[in-house]
């Protein structure tokens, strides 16, 4: 079973320290020991937003801000690599071909950002499409996809299940620029829609939630279900490896 896990920077490194990084690395290695092939994409989180905010105040343009964010995502990716076994890759993959080659060698694939104007949400979706993954998981700091921003709208409700088309519609009105924060961005949603990728958006602050979702499809987040797919997936790691 091939799985891509997109881990938000605020999830992996909510503050300087090693504990959360080590916990996520342990889950990834456990899943690999059970027969999964894992690609992980790491976001920039609060650290990236702080750098982007400072650079914006200094007059940097959006492309320069995007590049700064990419640099931070790759630093976070290196933290995750440092927590993995010595048999893992030694540096983040810089493009999808390099990531795919690592997976073909049965290595763990770790990536940060790839190009300006593309968030790590989109990188996760593109990597999943590129390697023909069975499952894409977004491990975010929120429980799933909401009807509105729950931090701004008290009436916002969480979607338990959405089609990929409905996901695109749900987030189409969100403003996205360097440092923006949302469970999944519009480009990622469109890649998910075109690829028919089974996707889960969940609260990944406890990495065991990622493991349960991969092993059994057990989660309290939002299922993004491709058009024409059955109600229940049939390829969880506990059933087929």
C-alpha atoms as a PDB file:
ATOM      1  CA  UNK A   1       0.000   0.000   0.000  1.00  0.00           C
ATOM      2  CA  UNK A   2       1.436   3.370  -1.039  1.00  0.00           C
ATOM      3  CA  UNK A   3       0.543   6.302   1.208  1.00  0.00           C
ATOM      4  CA  UNK A   4       1.441   9.985   1.048  1.00  0.00           C
ATOM      5  CA  UNK A   5       1.201  11.875   4.332  1.00  0.00           C
ATOM      6  CA  UNK A   6       1.266  15.663   4.192  1.00  0.00           C
ATOM      7  CA  UNK A   7       2.223  16.910   7.673  1.00  0.00           C
ATOM      8  CA  UNK A   8       1.636  20.544   8.498  1.00  0.00           C
ATOM      9  CA  UNK A   9       4.606  22.407   9.912  1.00  0.00           C
ATOM     10  CA  UNK A  10       2.527  23.500  12.904  1.00  0.00           C
ATOM     11  CA  UNK A  11       1.695  19.835  13.507  1.00  0.00           C
ATOM     12  CA  UNK A  12       5.245  18.521  13.233  1.00  0.00           C
ATOM     13  CA  UNK A  13       7.040  21.433  14.917  1.00  0.00           C
ATOM     14  CA  UNK A  14       4.496  23.428  16.956  1.00  0.00           C
ATOM     15  CA  UNK A  15       7.460  24.850  18.894  1.00  0.00           C
ATOM     16  CA  UNK A  16      11.204  24.167  18.901  1.00  0.00           C
ATOM     17  CA  UNK A  17      11.798  20.668  20.216  1.00  0.00           C
ATOM     18  CA  UNK A  18      12.257  17.051  19.232  1.00  0.00           C
ATOM     19  CA  UNK A  19       9.380  15.151  20.867  1.00  0.00           C
ATOM     20  CA  UNK A  20       6.631  15.659  18.275  1.00  0.00           C
ATOM     21  CA  UNK A  21       9.048  15.045  15.409  1.00  0.00           C
ATOM     22  CA  UNK A  22      10.221  11.795  16.993  1.00  0.00           C
ATOM     23  CA  UNK A  23       6.609  10.636  17.516  1.00  0.00           C
ATOM     24  CA  UNK A  24       5.720  11.185  13.860  1.00  0.00           C
ATOM     25  CA  UNK A  25       8.912   9.468  12.731  1.00  0.00           C
ATOM     26  CA  UNK A  26       8.077   6.450  14.899  1.00  0.00           C
ATOM     27  CA  UNK A  27       4.618   6.138  13.320  1.00  0.00           C
ATOM     28  CA  UNK A  28       6.077   6.353   9.811  1.00  0.00           C
ATOM     29  CA  UNK A  29       8.624   3.640  10.575  1.00  0.00           C
ATOM     30  CA  UNK A  30       5.964   1.414  12.174  1.00  0.00           C
ATOM     31  CA  UNK A  31       3.799   1.661   9.055  1.00  0.00           C
ATOM     32  CA  UNK A  32       6.767   0.854   6.845  1.00  0.00           C
ATOM     33  CA  UNK A  33       7.577  -2.196   8.980  1.00  0.00           C
ATOM     34  CA  UNK A  34       3.986  -3.360   8.331  1.00  0.00           C
ATOM     35  CA  UNK A  35       4.453  -3.205   4.569  1.00  0.00           C
ATOM     36  CA  UNK A  36       3.437   0.350   3.656  1.00  0.00           C
ATOM     37  CA  UNK A  37       5.476   2.539   1.326  1.00  0.00           C
ATOM     38  CA  UNK A  38       5.425   6.074   2.674  1.00  0.00           C
ATOM     39  CA  UNK A  39       6.023   9.461   1.132  1.00  0.00           C
ATOM     40  CA  UNK A  40       5.912  12.378   3.581  1.00  0.00           C
ATOM     41  CA  UNK A  41       5.576  16.049   2.663  1.00  0.00           C
ATOM     42  CA  UNK A  42       6.335  18.552   5.418  1.00  0.00           C
ATOM     43  CA  UNK A  43       4.952  22.087   5.676  1.00  0.00           C
ATOM     44  CA  UNK A  44       6.475  25.257   7.063  1.00  0.00           C
ATOM     45  CA  UNK A  45       3.973  26.091   9.803  1.00  0.00           C
ATOM     46  CA  UNK A  46       4.252  29.011  12.173  1.00  0.00           C
ATOM     47  CA  UNK A  47       7.985  29.432  11.665  1.00  0.00           C
ATOM     48  CA  UNK A  48       7.477  29.936   7.937  1.00  0.00           C
ATOM     49  CA  UNK A  49       4.671  32.414   8.546  1.00  0.00           C
ATOM     50  CA  UNK A  50       6.885  34.423  10.922  1.00  0.00           C
ATOM     51  CA  UNK A  51       9.682  34.638   8.362  1.00  0.00           C
ATOM     52  CA  UNK A  52       7.240  35.453   5.578  1.00  0.00           C
ATOM     53  CA  UNK A  53       5.608  38.171   7.669  1.00  0.00           C
ATOM     54  CA  UNK A  54       8.952  39.762   8.462  1.00  0.00           C
ATOM     55  CA  UNK A  55      10.101  39.583   4.835  1.00  0.00           C
ATOM     56  CA  UNK A  56       6.793  41.040   3.622  1.00  0.00           C
ATOM     57  CA  UNK A  57       7.301  44.001   5.982  1.00  0.00           C
ATOM     58  CA  UNK A  58      10.742  44.418   4.419  1.00  0.00           C
ATOM     59  CA  UNK A  59       9.235  44.679   0.954  1.00  0.00           C
ATOM     60  CA  UNK A  60       9.775  41.173  -0.458  1.00  0.00           C
ATOM     61  CA  UNK A  61       7.453  40.182  -3.300  1.00  0.00           C
ATOM     62  CA  UNK A  62       5.235  37.089  -3.292  1.00  0.00           C
ATOM     63  CA  UNK A  63       7.678  34.892  -5.227  1.00  0.00           C
ATOM     64  CA  UNK A  64      10.475  35.810  -2.816  1.00  0.00           C
ATOM     65  CA  UNK A  65       8.135  35.043   0.087  1.00  0.00           C
ATOM     66  CA  UNK A  66       7.209  31.685  -1.435  1.00  0.00           C
ATOM     67  CA  UNK A  67      10.886  30.783  -1.797  1.00  0.00           C
ATOM     68  CA  UNK A  68      11.504  31.697   1.829  1.00  0.00           C
ATOM     69  CA  UNK A  69       8.634  29.419   2.840  1.00  0.00           C
ATOM     70  CA  UNK A  70      10.080  26.568   0.749  1.00  0.00           C
ATOM     71  CA  UNK A  71      13.390  26.929   2.564  1.00  0.00           C
ATOM     72  CA  UNK A  72      11.638  26.525   5.924  1.00  0.00           C
ATOM     73  CA  UNK A  73       9.676  23.465   4.764  1.00  0.00           C
ATOM     74  CA  UNK A  74      12.919  21.804   3.753  1.00  0.00           C
ATOM     75  CA  UNK A  75      14.439  22.565   7.156  1.00  0.00           C
ATOM     76  CA  UNK A  76      11.416  20.930   8.801  1.00  0.00           C
ATOM     77  CA  UNK A  77      11.795  17.977   6.420  1.00  0.00           C
ATOM     78  CA  UNK A  78      15.403  17.615   7.552  1.00  0.00           C
ATOM     79  CA  UNK A  79      14.232  17.454  11.160  1.00  0.00           C
ATOM     80  CA  UNK A  80      11.966  14.548  10.280  1.00  0.00           C
ATOM     81  CA  UNK A  81      14.782  12.833   8.397  1.00  0.00           C
ATOM     82  CA  UNK A  82      17.034  13.250  11.450  1.00  0.00           C
ATOM     83  CA  UNK A  83      14.467  11.360  13.541  1.00  0.00           C
ATOM     84  CA  UNK A  84      14.258   8.410  11.131  1.00  0.00           C
ATOM     85  CA  UNK A  85      16.540   5.402  11.033  1.00  0.00           C
ATOM     86  CA  UNK A  86      19.978   5.601   9.468  1.00  0.00           C
ATOM     87  CA  UNK A  87      18.664   3.593   6.499  1.00  0.00           C
ATOM     88  CA  UNK A  88      16.404   6.494   5.521  1.00  0.00           C
ATOM     89  CA  UNK A  89      17.141   9.134   2.910  1.00  0.00           C
ATOM     90  CA  UNK A  90      19.668  11.752   3.969  1.00  0.00           C
ATOM     91  CA  UNK A  91      18.073  14.860   2.439  1.00  0.00           C
ATOM     92  CA  UNK A  92      14.647  16.028   1.231  1.00  0.00           C
ATOM     93  CA  UNK A  93      13.728  15.201  -2.352  1.00  0.00           C
ATOM     94  CA  UNK A  94      13.733  18.349  -4.466  1.00  0.00           C
ATOM     95  CA  UNK A  95      11.264  17.149  -7.125  1.00  0.00           C
ATOM     96  CA  UNK A  96       8.744  14.386  -7.806  1.00  0.00           C
ATOM     97  CA  UNK A  97      11.089  12.265  -9.905  1.00  0.00           C
ATOM     98  CA  UNK A  98      13.657  12.163  -7.122  1.00  0.00           C
ATOM     99  CA  UNK A  99      10.922  11.293  -4.621  1.00  0.00           C
ATOM    100  CA  UNK A 100       9.590   8.509  -6.827  1.00  0.00           C
ATOM    101  CA  UNK A 101      13.068   7.035  -7.248  1.00  0.00           C
ATOM    102  CA  UNK A 102      13.475   6.904  -3.464  1.00  0.00           C
ATOM    103  CA  UNK A 103      10.225   4.990  -3.132  1.00  0.00           C
ATOM    104  CA  UNK A 104      11.250   2.561  -5.858  1.00  0.00           C
ATOM    105  CA  UNK A 105      14.363   1.819  -3.777  1.00  0.00           C
ATOM    106  CA  UNK A 106      12.017   1.157  -0.833  1.00  0.00           C
ATOM    107  CA  UNK A 107      13.390   4.210   0.960  1.00  0.00           C
ATOM    108  CA  UNK A 108      11.203   6.627   2.846  1.00  0.00           C
ATOM    109  CA  UNK A 109      10.520   9.674   0.678  1.00  0.00           C
ATOM    110  CA  UNK A 110      10.574  13.030   2.498  1.00  0.00           C
ATOM    111  CA  UNK A 111       9.843  16.345   0.761  1.00  0.00           C
ATOM    112  CA  UNK A 112       9.260  19.969   1.596  1.00  0.00           C
ATOM    113  CA  UNK A 113       8.161  22.598  -0.891  1.00  0.00           C
ATOM    114  CA  UNK A 114       9.029  22.378  -4.571  1.00  0.00           C
ATOM    115  CA  UNK A 115       8.258  25.633  -6.394  1.00  0.00           C
ATOM    116  CA  UNK A 116       6.934  29.135  -5.740  1.00  0.00           C
ATOM    117  CA  UNK A 117       3.144  29.576  -5.895  1.00  0.00           C
ATOM    118  CA  UNK A 118       2.654  25.962  -4.843  1.00  0.00           C
ATOM    119  CA  UNK A 119       1.940  25.052  -1.222  1.00  0.00           C
ATOM    120  CA  UNK A 120       2.965  21.783   0.384  1.00  0.00           C
ATOM    121  CA  UNK A 121      -0.746  20.864   0.239  1.00  0.00           C
ATOM    122  CA  UNK A 122      -0.400  20.821  -3.539  1.00  0.00           C
ATOM    123  CA  UNK A 123       2.963  19.062  -3.343  1.00  0.00           C
ATOM    124  CA  UNK A 124       1.347  16.268  -1.316  1.00  0.00           C
ATOM    125  CA  UNK A 125      -1.464  15.855  -3.848  1.00  0.00           C
ATOM    126  CA  UNK A 126       0.937  15.989  -6.804  1.00  0.00           C
ATOM    127  CA  UNK A 127       3.276  13.435  -5.234  1.00  0.00           C
ATOM    128  CA  UNK A 128       0.330  11.119  -4.527  1.00  0.00           C
ATOM    129  CA  UNK A 129      -0.764  11.413  -8.162  1.00  0.00           C
ATOM    130  CA  UNK A 130       2.791  10.985  -9.478  1.00  0.00           C
ATOM    131  CA  UNK A 131       3.427   7.734  -7.598  1.00  0.00           C
ATOM    132  CA  UNK A 132      -0.182   6.494  -7.999  1.00  0.00           C
ATOM    133  CA  UNK A 133      -0.666   6.291  -4.217  1.00  0.00           C
ATOM    134  CA  UNK A 134      -3.543   4.367  -2.671  1.00  0.00           C
ATOM    135  CA  UNK A 135      -4.210   7.015  -0.040  1.00  0.00           C
ATOM    136  CA  UNK A 136      -3.377  10.658   0.679  1.00  0.00           C
ATOM    137  CA  UNK A 137      -3.580  11.936   4.250  1.00  0.00           C
ATOM    138  CA  UNK A 138      -3.427  15.568   5.317  1.00  0.00           C
ATOM    139  CA  UNK A 139      -2.298  15.703   8.959  1.00  0.00           C
ATOM    140  CA  UNK A 140      -3.361  19.209   9.954  1.00  0.00           C
ATOM    141  CA  UNK A 141      -3.926  21.159  13.167  1.00  0.00           C
ATOM    142  CA  UNK A 142      -7.722  21.088  12.667  1.00  0.00           C
ATOM    143  CA  UNK A 143     -10.131  18.116  12.763  1.00  0.00           C
ATOM    144  CA  UNK A 144     -11.116  18.250   9.094  1.00  0.00           C
ATOM    145  CA  UNK A 145     -12.665  20.415   6.383  1.00  0.00           C
ATOM    146  CA  UNK A 146     -15.274  22.905   7.594  1.00  0.00           C
ATOM    147  CA  UNK A 147     -18.074  24.808   5.910  1.00  0.00           C
ATOM    148  CA  UNK A 148     -16.322  28.052   6.948  1.00  0.00           C
ATOM    149  CA  UNK A 149     -13.308  29.106   9.000  1.00  0.00           C
ATOM    150  CA  UNK A 150     -14.170  27.779  12.495  1.00  0.00           C
ATOM    151  CA  UNK A 151     -11.903  30.410  14.042  1.00  0.00           C
ATOM    152  CA  UNK A 152     -14.034  33.166  12.526  1.00  0.00           C
ATOM    153  CA  UNK A 153     -17.503  31.616  12.189  1.00  0.00           C
ATOM    154  CA  UNK A 154     -19.161  30.024  15.214  1.00  0.00           C
ATOM    155  CA  UNK A 155     -21.678  28.315  12.909  1.00  0.00           C
ATOM    156  CA  UNK A 156     -19.005  26.504  10.878  1.00  0.00           C
ATOM    157  CA  UNK A 157     -19.628  22.760  10.699  1.00  0.00           C
ATOM    158  CA  UNK A 158     -17.204  19.954   9.903  1.00  0.00           C
ATOM    159  CA  UNK A 159     -17.810  17.812   6.832  1.00  0.00           C
ATOM    160  CA  UNK A 160     -17.496  14.110   7.578  1.00  0.00           C
ATOM    161  CA  UNK A 161     -17.498  13.232   3.883  1.00  0.00           C
ATOM    162  CA  UNK A 162     -17.105  15.191   0.658  1.00  0.00           C
ATOM    163  CA  UNK A 163     -16.714  14.367  -2.980  1.00  0.00           C
ATOM    164  CA  UNK A 164     -13.604  15.815  -4.579  1.00  0.00           C
ATOM    165  CA  UNK A 165     -15.787  18.202  -6.579  1.00  0.00           C
ATOM    166  CA  UNK A 166     -17.523  19.362  -3.404  1.00  0.00           C
ATOM    167  CA  UNK A 167     -14.103  19.915  -1.794  1.00  0.00           C
ATOM    168  CA  UNK A 168     -13.122  22.236  -4.642  1.00  0.00           C
ATOM    169  CA  UNK A 169     -16.386  24.133  -4.265  1.00  0.00           C
ATOM    170  CA  UNK A 170     -16.002  24.362  -0.474  1.00  0.00           C
ATOM    171  CA  UNK A 171     -12.633  26.100  -0.578  1.00  0.00           C
ATOM    172  CA  UNK A 172     -12.796  27.963  -3.891  1.00  0.00           C
ATOM    173  CA  UNK A 173     -13.475  31.283  -2.185  1.00  0.00           C
ATOM    174  CA  UNK A 174     -10.526  31.185   0.200  1.00  0.00           C
ATOM    175  CA  UNK A 175      -7.754  33.726  -0.295  1.00  0.00           C
ATOM    176  CA  UNK A 176      -4.388  32.016  -0.773  1.00  0.00           C
ATOM    177  CA  UNK A 177      -1.087  33.871  -0.661  1.00  0.00           C
ATOM    178  CA  UNK A 178       2.324  33.195   0.871  1.00  0.00           C
ATOM    179  CA  UNK A 179       1.895  32.056   4.455  1.00  0.00           C
ATOM    180  CA  UNK A 180      -1.835  31.407   4.157  1.00  0.00           C
ATOM    181  CA  UNK A 181      -3.240  28.594   6.286  1.00  0.00           C
ATOM    182  CA  UNK A 182      -6.067  26.182   5.392  1.00  0.00           C
ATOM    183  CA  UNK A 183      -6.546  22.405   5.765  1.00  0.00           C
ATOM    184  CA  UNK A 184      -6.273  21.942   1.974  1.00  0.00           C
ATOM    185  CA  UNK A 185      -5.737  24.631  -0.633  1.00  0.00           C
ATOM    186  CA  UNK A 186      -7.515  25.025  -3.953  1.00  0.00           C
ATOM    187  CA  UNK A 187      -4.736  23.688  -6.187  1.00  0.00           C
ATOM    188  CA  UNK A 188      -4.428  20.587  -4.004  1.00  0.00           C
ATOM    189  CA  UNK A 189      -8.196  20.074  -4.180  1.00  0.00           C
ATOM    190  CA  UNK A 190      -8.146  20.302  -7.981  1.00  0.00           C
ATOM    191  CA  UNK A 191      -5.316  17.767  -8.208  1.00  0.00           C
ATOM    192  CA  UNK A 192      -7.265  15.436  -5.915  1.00  0.00           C
ATOM    193  CA  UNK A 193     -10.330  15.904  -8.112  1.00  0.00           C
ATOM    194  CA  UNK A 194      -8.558  15.140 -11.391  1.00  0.00           C
ATOM    195  CA  UNK A 195      -6.602  12.177  -9.998  1.00  0.00           C
ATOM    196  CA  UNK A 196      -9.506  10.525  -8.173  1.00  0.00           C
ATOM    197  CA  UNK A 197      -7.276  10.195  -5.106  1.00  0.00           C
ATOM    198  CA  UNK A 198      -8.850   8.841  -1.927  1.00  0.00           C
ATOM    199  CA  UNK A 199      -7.975  11.478   0.681  1.00  0.00           C
ATOM    200  CA  UNK A 200      -8.405  12.034   4.413  1.00  0.00           C
ATOM    201  CA  UNK A 201      -8.049  15.367   6.199  1.00  0.00           C
ATOM    202  CA  UNK A 202      -7.590  14.894   9.940  1.00  0.00           C
ATOM    203  CA  UNK A 203      -6.117  16.345  13.111  1.00  0.00           C
ATOM    204  CA  UNK A 204      -2.567  15.025  13.056  1.00  0.00           C
ATOM    205  CA  UNK A 205      -1.332  16.538  16.304  1.00  0.00           C
ATOM    206  CA  UNK A 206      -1.517  13.004  17.710  1.00  0.00           C
ATOM    207  CA  UNK A 207       0.392  10.916  15.146  1.00  0.00           C
ATOM    208  CA  UNK A 208      -1.405   7.756  16.256  1.00  0.00           C
ATOM    209  CA  UNK A 209      -4.452   9.156  14.424  1.00  0.00           C
ATOM    210  CA  UNK A 210      -2.479   8.914  11.186  1.00  0.00           C
ATOM    211  CA  UNK A 211      -1.610   5.287  11.932  1.00  0.00           C
ATOM    212  CA  UNK A 212      -5.251   4.349  12.635  1.00  0.00           C
ATOM    213  CA  UNK A 213      -6.413   6.024   9.432  1.00  0.00           C
ATOM    214  CA  UNK A 214      -3.846   4.146   7.347  1.00  0.00           C
ATOM    215  CA  UNK A 215      -4.342   0.786   9.039  1.00  0.00           C
ATOM    216  CA  UNK A 216      -8.119   0.723   9.331  1.00  0.00           C
ATOM    217  CA  UNK A 217      -9.653   3.845   7.787  1.00  0.00           C
ATOM    218  CA  UNK A 218     -10.570   4.818  11.360  1.00  0.00           C
ATOM    219  CA  UNK A 219     -10.589   8.590  11.886  1.00  0.00           C
ATOM    220  CA  UNK A 220     -12.722  11.562  12.934  1.00  0.00           C
ATOM    221  CA  UNK A 221     -11.685  13.829  10.092  1.00  0.00           C
ATOM    222  CA  UNK A 222     -13.085  14.400   6.606  1.00  0.00           C
ATOM    223  CA  UNK A 223     -13.155  11.711   3.914  1.00  0.00           C
ATOM    224  CA  UNK A 224     -12.633  13.021   0.385  1.00  0.00           C
ATOM    225  CA  UNK A 225     -14.165  10.342  -1.808  1.00  0.00           C
ATOM    226  CA  UNK A 226     -13.552  10.153  -5.570  1.00  0.00           C
ATOM    227  CA  UNK A 227     -16.591  10.278  -7.828  1.00  0.00           C
ATOM    228  CA  UNK A 228     -17.873   6.767  -8.436  1.00  0.00           C
ATOM    229  CA  UNK A 229     -16.023   5.230  -5.481  1.00  0.00           C
ATOM    230  CA  UNK A 230     -17.848   2.969  -3.077  1.00  0.00           C
ATOM    231  CA  UNK A 231     -18.884   4.083   0.373  1.00  0.00           C
ATOM    232  CA  UNK A 232     -16.133   2.040   2.007  1.00  0.00           C
ATOM    233  CA  UNK A 233     -12.559   1.745   0.705  1.00  0.00           C
ATOM    234  CA  UNK A 234     -11.172  -1.761   0.363  1.00  0.00           C
ATOM    235  CA  UNK A 235      -7.436  -1.259   0.544  1.00  0.00           C
ATOM    236  CA  UNK A 236      -6.608  -0.376   4.156  1.00  0.00           C
ATOM    237  CA  UNK A 237      -3.229  -1.606   5.292  1.00  0.00           C
ATOM    238  CA  UNK A 238      -4.780  -4.129   7.689  1.00  0.00           C
ATOM    239  CA  UNK A 239      -6.559  -5.823   4.768  1.00  0.00           C
ATOM    240  CA  UNK A 240      -4.019  -5.677   1.945  1.00  0.00           C
ATOM    241  CA  UNK A 241      -0.362  -4.741   1.929  1.00  0.00           C
END
